[in-house]
Amino acid sequence: MPVYSYRCGTCGVQFDRKQKFTDQSLTRCPECGKKSLHKVYSPVGIVFKG
């Protein structure tokens, strides 16, 4: 299962959550309870050899 990072736009808390591909994205912040969560996308390190 992949690990997704979320950040709350209201209180700024950031956390990681392990979810299935078929699970719905989280929307409610566990800290402040507001519906302002967004997924945080991080760059993936790729090395090309050749």
PDB file of N, CA and C in Angstrom:
ATOM      1  N   MET A   1       0.846  -1.179   0.000  1.00  0.00           N
ATOM      2  CA  MET A   1       0.000   0.000   0.000  1.00  0.00           C
ATOM      3  C   MET A   1       0.890   1.241   0.000  1.00  0.00           C
ATOM      4  N   PRO A   2       0.525   2.233  -0.794  1.00  0.00           N
ATOM      5  CA  PRO A   2       1.320   3.460  -0.836  1.00  0.00           C
ATOM      6  C   PRO A   2       1.066   4.333   0.391  1.00  0.00           C
ATOM      7  N   VAL A   3       2.024   5.191   0.669  1.00  0.00           N
ATOM      8  CA  VAL A   3       1.919   6.153   1.765  1.00  0.00           C
ATOM      9  C   VAL A   3       1.724   7.531   1.150  1.00  0.00           C
ATOM     10  N   TYR A   4       0.672   8.218   1.561  1.00  0.00           N
ATOM     11  CA  TYR A   4       0.358   9.551   1.056  1.00  0.00           C
ATOM     12  C   TYR A   4       0.607  10.579   2.146  1.00  0.00           C
ATOM     13  N   SER A   5       1.119  11.735   1.748  1.00  0.00           N
ATOM     14  CA  SER A   5       1.320  12.848   2.673  1.00  0.00           C
ATOM     15  C   SER A   5       0.180  13.839   2.489  1.00  0.00           C
ATOM     16  N   TYR A   6      -0.343  14.322   3.604  1.00  0.00           N
ATOM     17  CA  TYR A   6      -1.427  15.299   3.592  1.00  0.00           C
ATOM     18  C   TYR A   6      -1.005  16.522   4.396  1.00  0.00           C
ATOM     19  N   ARG A   7      -1.536  17.690   4.001  1.00  0.00           N
ATOM     20  CA  ARG A   7      -1.304  18.928   4.751  1.00  0.00           C
ATOM     21  C   ARG A   7      -2.629  19.672   4.860  1.00  0.00           C
ATOM     22  N   CYS A   8      -2.897  20.195   6.048  1.00  0.00           N
ATOM     23  CA  CYS A   8      -4.107  20.972   6.288  1.00  0.00           C
ATOM     24  C   CYS A   8      -3.853  22.424   5.888  1.00  0.00           C
ATOM     25  N   GLY A   9      -4.739  22.977   5.087  1.00  0.00           N
ATOM     26  CA  GLY A   9      -4.619  24.365   4.666  1.00  0.00           C
ATOM     27  C   GLY A   9      -5.006  25.346   5.756  1.00  0.00           C
ATOM     28  N   THR A  10      -5.695  24.898   6.795  1.00  0.00           N
ATOM     29  CA  THR A  10      -6.128  25.783   7.873  1.00  0.00           C
ATOM     30  C   THR A  10      -5.106  25.857   9.002  1.00  0.00           C
ATOM     31  N   CYS A  11      -4.745  24.710   9.574  1.00  0.00           N
ATOM     32  CA  CYS A  11      -3.848  24.720  10.738  1.00  0.00           C
ATOM     33  C   CYS A  11      -2.405  24.363  10.386  1.00  0.00           C
ATOM     34  N   GLY A  12      -2.156  23.850   9.162  1.00  0.00           N
ATOM     35  CA  GLY A  12      -0.794  23.579   8.718  1.00  0.00           C
ATOM     36  C   GLY A  12      -0.211  22.244   9.146  1.00  0.00           C
ATOM     37  N   VAL A  13      -0.977  21.413   9.837  1.00  0.00           N
ATOM     38  CA  VAL A  13      -0.455  20.114  10.268  1.00  0.00           C
ATOM     39  C   VAL A  13      -0.201  19.247   9.029  1.00  0.00           C
ATOM     40  N   GLN A  14       0.892  18.485   9.065  1.00  0.00           N
ATOM     41  CA  GLN A  14       1.229  17.586   7.965  1.00  0.00           C
ATOM     42  C   GLN A  14       1.445  16.195   8.535  1.00  0.00           C
ATOM     43  N   PHE A  15       0.927  15.171   7.828  1.00  0.00           N
ATOM     44  CA  PHE A  15       1.059  13.803   8.300  1.00  0.00           C
ATOM     45  C   PHE A  15       1.022  12.849   7.117  1.00  0.00           C
ATOM     46  N   ASP A  16       1.462  11.619   7.349  1.00  0.00           N
ATOM     47  CA  ASP A  16       1.462  10.571   6.337  1.00  0.00           C
ATOM     48  C   ASP A  16       0.412   9.531   6.695  1.00  0.00           C
ATOM     49  N   ARG A  17      -0.210   8.950   5.672  1.00  0.00           N
ATOM     50  CA  ARG A  17      -1.230   7.931   5.898  1.00  0.00           C
ATOM     51  C   ARG A  17      -1.070   6.826   4.862  1.00  0.00           C
ATOM     52  N   LYS A  18      -1.050   5.585   5.317  1.00  0.00           N
ATOM     53  CA  LYS A  18      -0.983   4.438   4.415  1.00  0.00           C
ATOM     54  C   LYS A  18      -2.404   4.112   3.970  1.00  0.00           C
ATOM     55  N   GLN A  19      -2.624   4.120   2.644  1.00  0.00           N
ATOM     56  CA  GLN A  19      -3.951   3.867   2.101  1.00  0.00           C
ATOM     57  C   GLN A  19      -3.866   2.968   0.876  1.00  0.00           C
ATOM     58  N   LYS A  20      -4.954   2.284   0.588  1.00  0.00           N
ATOM     59  CA  LYS A  20      -5.056   1.501  -0.637  1.00  0.00           C
ATOM     60  C   LYS A  20      -5.287   2.453  -1.809  1.00  0.00           C
ATOM     61  N   PHE A  21      -4.994   1.974  -3.021  1.00  0.00           N
ATOM     62  CA  PHE A  21      -5.249   2.778  -4.210  1.00  0.00           C
ATOM     63  C   PHE A  21      -6.736   3.086  -4.360  1.00  0.00           C
ATOM     64  N   THR A  22      -7.577   2.194  -3.887  1.00  0.00           N
ATOM     65  CA  THR A  22      -9.022   2.350  -4.047  1.00  0.00           C
ATOM     66  C   THR A  22      -9.662   3.202  -2.953  1.00  0.00           C
ATOM     67  N   ASP A  23      -8.927   3.556  -1.907  1.00  0.00           N
ATOM     68  CA  ASP A  23      -9.473   4.378  -0.825  1.00  0.00           C
ATOM     69  C   ASP A  23      -9.686   5.813  -1.296  1.00  0.00           C
ATOM     70  N   GLN A  24     -10.707   6.449  -0.760  1.00  0.00           N
ATOM     71  CA  GLN A  24     -10.951   7.865  -1.035  1.00  0.00           C
ATOM     72  C   GLN A  24      -9.883   8.712  -0.345  1.00  0.00           C
ATOM     73  N   SER A  25      -9.542   9.852  -0.942  1.00  0.00           N
ATOM     74  CA  SER A  25      -8.603  10.775  -0.310  1.00  0.00           C
ATOM     75  C   SER A  25      -9.234  11.351   0.946  1.00  0.00           C
ATOM     76  N   LEU A  26      -8.406  11.608   1.947  1.00  0.00           N
ATOM     77  CA  LEU A  26      -8.903  12.219   3.174  1.00  0.00           C
ATOM     78  C   LEU A  26      -9.227  13.683   2.911  1.00  0.00           C
ATOM     79  N   THR A  27     -10.237  14.208   3.579  1.00  0.00           N
ATOM     80  CA  THR A  27     -10.609  15.613   3.409  1.00  0.00           C
ATOM     81  C   THR A  27     -10.676  16.357   4.737  1.00  0.00           C
ATOM     82  N   ARG A  28     -10.918  15.653   5.835  1.00  0.00           N
ATOM     83  CA  ARG A  28     -11.078  16.306   7.137  1.00  0.00           C
ATOM     84  C   ARG A  28      -9.804  16.176   7.956  1.00  0.00           C
ATOM     85  N   CYS A  29      -9.318  17.299   8.489  1.00  0.00           N
ATOM     86  CA  CYS A  29      -8.099  17.336   9.291  1.00  0.00           C
ATOM     87  C   CYS A  29      -8.334  16.678  10.651  1.00  0.00           C
ATOM     88  N   PRO A  30      -7.438  15.781  11.071  1.00  0.00           N
ATOM     89  CA  PRO A  30      -7.612  15.138  12.374  1.00  0.00           C
ATOM     90  C   PRO A  30      -7.321  16.076  13.546  1.00  0.00           C
ATOM     91  N   GLU A  31      -6.624  17.184  13.300  1.00  0.00           N
ATOM     92  CA  GLU A  31      -6.283  18.128  14.375  1.00  0.00           C
ATOM     93  C   GLU A  31      -7.385  19.165  14.591  1.00  0.00           C
ATOM     94  N   CYS A  32      -7.737  19.901  13.530  1.00  0.00           N
ATOM     95  CA  CYS A  32      -8.692  21.001  13.692  1.00  0.00           C
ATOM     96  C   CYS A  32     -10.111  20.629  13.253  1.00  0.00           C
ATOM     97  N   GLY A  33     -10.268  19.509  12.523  1.00  0.00           N
ATOM     98  CA  GLY A  33     -11.590  19.050  12.117  1.00  0.00           C
ATOM     99  C   GLY A  33     -12.158  19.719  10.879  1.00  0.00           C
ATOM    100  N   LYS A  34     -11.430  20.643  10.263  1.00  0.00           N
ATOM    101  CA  LYS A  34     -11.925  21.342   9.071  1.00  0.00           C
ATOM    102  C   LYS A  34     -11.670  20.501   7.824  1.00  0.00           C
ATOM    103  N   LYS A  35     -12.461  20.734   6.797  1.00  0.00           N
ATOM    104  CA  LYS A  35     -12.304  20.017   5.524  1.00  0.00           C
ATOM    105  C   LYS A  35     -11.349  20.785   4.622  1.00  0.00           C
ATOM    106  N   SER A  36     -10.081  20.789   4.977  1.00  0.00           N
ATOM    107  CA  SER A  36      -9.104  21.550   4.189  1.00  0.00           C
ATOM    108  C   SER A  36      -7.816  20.765   3.963  1.00  0.00           C
ATOM    109  N   LEU A  37      -7.917  19.431   3.892  1.00  0.00           N
ATOM    110  CA  LEU A  37      -6.728  18.612   3.639  1.00  0.00           C
ATOM    111  C   LEU A  37      -6.433  18.533   2.146  1.00  0.00           C
ATOM    112  N   HIS A  38      -5.150  18.548   1.820  1.00  0.00           N
ATOM    113  CA  HIS A  38      -4.695  18.396   0.446  1.00  0.00           C
ATOM    114  C   HIS A  38      -3.521  17.438   0.439  1.00  0.00           C
ATOM    115  N   LYS A  39      -3.428  16.621  -0.609  1.00  0.00           N
ATOM    116  CA  LYS A  39      -2.278  15.732  -0.752  1.00  0.00           C
ATOM    117  C   LYS A  39      -1.050  16.561  -1.087  1.00  0.00           C
ATOM    118  N   VAL A  40       0.080  16.164  -0.503  1.00  0.00           N
ATOM    119  CA  VAL A  40       1.358  16.817  -0.776  1.00  0.00           C
ATOM    120  C   VAL A  40       2.133  15.896  -1.710  1.00  0.00           C
ATOM    121  N   TYR A  41       2.485  16.411  -2.874  1.00  0.00           N
ATOM    122  CA  TYR A  41       3.221  15.615  -3.855  1.00  0.00           C
ATOM    123  C   TYR A  41       4.698  15.941  -3.752  1.00  0.00           C
ATOM    124  N   SER A  42       5.509  14.910  -3.629  1.00  0.00           N
ATOM    125  CA  SER A  42       6.961  15.058  -3.518  1.00  0.00           C
ATOM    126  C   SER A  42       7.611  14.528  -4.785  1.00  0.00           C
ATOM    127  N   PRO A  43       8.716  15.147  -5.201  1.00  0.00           N
ATOM    128  CA  PRO A  43       9.409  14.634  -6.386  1.00  0.00           C
ATOM    129  C   PRO A  43      10.013  13.258  -6.112  1.00  0.00           C
ATOM    130  N   VAL A  44      10.056  12.461  -7.144  1.00  0.00           N
ATOM    131  CA  VAL A  44      10.603  11.112  -7.050  1.00  0.00           C
ATOM    132  C   VAL A  44      12.003  11.121  -7.639  1.00  0.00           C
ATOM    133  N   GLY A  45      12.947  10.532  -6.921  1.00  0.00           N
ATOM    134  CA  GLY A  45      14.319  10.476  -7.414  1.00  0.00           C
ATOM    135  C   GLY A  45      14.494   9.365  -8.434  1.00  0.00           C
ATOM    136  N   ILE A  46      14.894   9.741  -9.637  1.00  0.00           N
ATOM    137  CA  ILE A  46      15.125   8.769 -10.708  1.00  0.00           C
ATOM    138  C   ILE A  46      16.542   8.956 -11.224  1.00  0.00           C
ATOM    139  N   VAL A  47      17.244   7.855 -11.395  1.00  0.00           N
ATOM    140  CA  VAL A  47      18.609   7.898 -11.928  1.00  0.00           C
ATOM    141  C   VAL A  47      18.634   7.102 -13.223  1.00  0.00           C
ATOM    142  N   PHE A  48      19.047   7.767 -14.299  1.00  0.00           N
ATOM    143  CA  PHE A  48      19.192   7.104 -15.594  1.00  0.00           C
ATOM    144  C   PHE A  48      20.657   6.782 -15.804  1.00  0.00           C
ATOM    145  N   LYS A  49      20.948   5.552 -16.092  1.00  0.00           N
ATOM    146  CA  LYS A  49      22.331   5.146 -16.345  1.00  0.00           C
ATOM    147  C   LYS A  49      22.491   4.863 -17.832  1.00  0.00           C
ATOM    148  N   GLY A  50      23.634   5.247 -18.342  1.00  0.00           N
ATOM    149  CA  GLY A  50      23.838   4.940 -19.738  1.00  0.00           C
ATOM    150  C   GLY A  50      24.865   5.734 -20.351  1.00  0.00           C
TER     151      GLY A  50
END
